[in-house]
Amino acid sequence: MPGWVEFLLNGVCHRLPAHSLVYGGKPAPLCARCTGLFAGAALLFAVLAASGLWRRSRLAPWHV
C-alpha cells in the first residue's frame, strides 16, 4: 500500500491486526468495525441522494 494511503488510514482507524479482515493472507487496510461504519455511511448518502431526500431534509447546507 502506498505511504500516503497508510498516512490517511492511520488517522481514521486504529488498525489492530486482531480486528482486521484478512484477504489473501494480508490484513485489510481498515479494521472490520471501521469498514462497516464507512460502508454504512456511504450507503446512507447514496440512498439519500438517489431518493431525493437529501434536498428535502433539514440538514445544514454544504457551505456551513
Protein backbone atom coordinates (compact mmCIF):
# COMPACT_ATOMS: atom_id res chain seq x y z
CA MET A 1 0.00 0.00 0.00
CA PRO A 2 1.40 3.46 -0.84
CA GLY A 3 2.72 5.54 2.04
CA TRP A 4 0.16 8.33 1.63
CA VAL A 5 -2.71 5.83 1.92
CA GLU A 6 -1.17 4.46 5.12
CA PHE A 7 -0.90 8.01 6.46
CA LEU A 8 -4.58 8.76 5.76
CA LEU A 9 -5.85 5.48 7.18
CA ASN A 10 -3.88 5.85 10.41
CA GLY A 11 -5.95 8.94 11.19
CA VAL A 12 -9.35 7.25 10.80
CA CYS A 13 -8.79 3.67 12.00
CA HIS A 14 -6.90 2.04 14.84
CA ARG A 15 -5.97 -0.86 12.50
CA LEU A 16 -5.44 -3.55 15.12
CA PRO A 17 -4.43 -6.83 13.46
CA ALA A 18 -6.79 -8.84 15.68
CA HIS A 19 -9.77 -6.78 14.43
CA SER A 20 -8.83 -6.68 10.74
CA LEU A 21 -10.27 -8.82 7.98
CA VAL A 22 -7.70 -10.89 6.08
CA TYR A 23 -7.73 -11.15 2.28
CA GLY A 24 -5.19 -13.39 0.60
CA GLY A 25 -3.03 -13.58 3.72
CA LYS A 26 -2.80 -9.79 4.13
CA PRO A 27 -4.85 -7.67 6.54
CA ALA A 28 -7.37 -5.25 5.06
CA PRO A 29 -6.46 -1.55 5.17
CA LEU A 30 -9.31 -0.89 7.63
CA CYS A 31 -10.47 -2.97 10.59
CA ALA A 32 -13.84 -4.72 10.37
CA ARG A 33 -15.58 -2.11 12.54
CA CYS A 34 -14.36 0.88 10.52
CA THR A 35 -15.12 -0.89 7.25
CA GLY A 36 -18.73 -1.34 8.38
CA LEU A 37 -19.02 2.24 9.60
CA PHE A 38 -17.69 3.79 6.40
CA ALA A 39 -19.65 1.42 4.15
CA GLY A 40 -22.84 2.21 6.08
CA ALA A 41 -22.25 5.96 5.84
CA ALA A 42 -21.55 5.72 2.11
CA LEU A 43 -24.69 3.64 1.59
CA LEU A 44 -26.77 6.14 3.58
CA PHE A 45 -25.59 9.10 1.49
CA ALA A 46 -26.11 7.13 -1.73
CA VAL A 47 -29.69 6.24 -0.77
CA LEU A 48 -30.44 9.81 0.31
CA ALA A 49 -29.05 11.21 -2.93
CA ALA A 50 -30.83 8.65 -5.12
CA SER A 51 -34.19 9.13 -3.45
CA GLY A 52 -34.03 12.91 -3.37
CA LEU A 53 -34.39 13.00 0.42
CA TRP A 54 -31.11 14.89 0.78
CA ARG A 55 -32.64 18.02 -0.75
CA ARG A 56 -35.85 17.73 1.28
CA SER A 57 -34.10 17.06 4.59
CA ARG A 58 -33.34 19.74 7.12
CA LEU A 59 -29.61 19.07 7.07
CA ALA A 60 -27.29 22.05 7.03
CA PRO A 61 -26.21 23.21 3.56
CA TRP A 62 -22.67 22.39 2.44
CA HIS A 63 -21.34 25.96 2.78
CA VAL A 64 -21.76 25.92 6.58
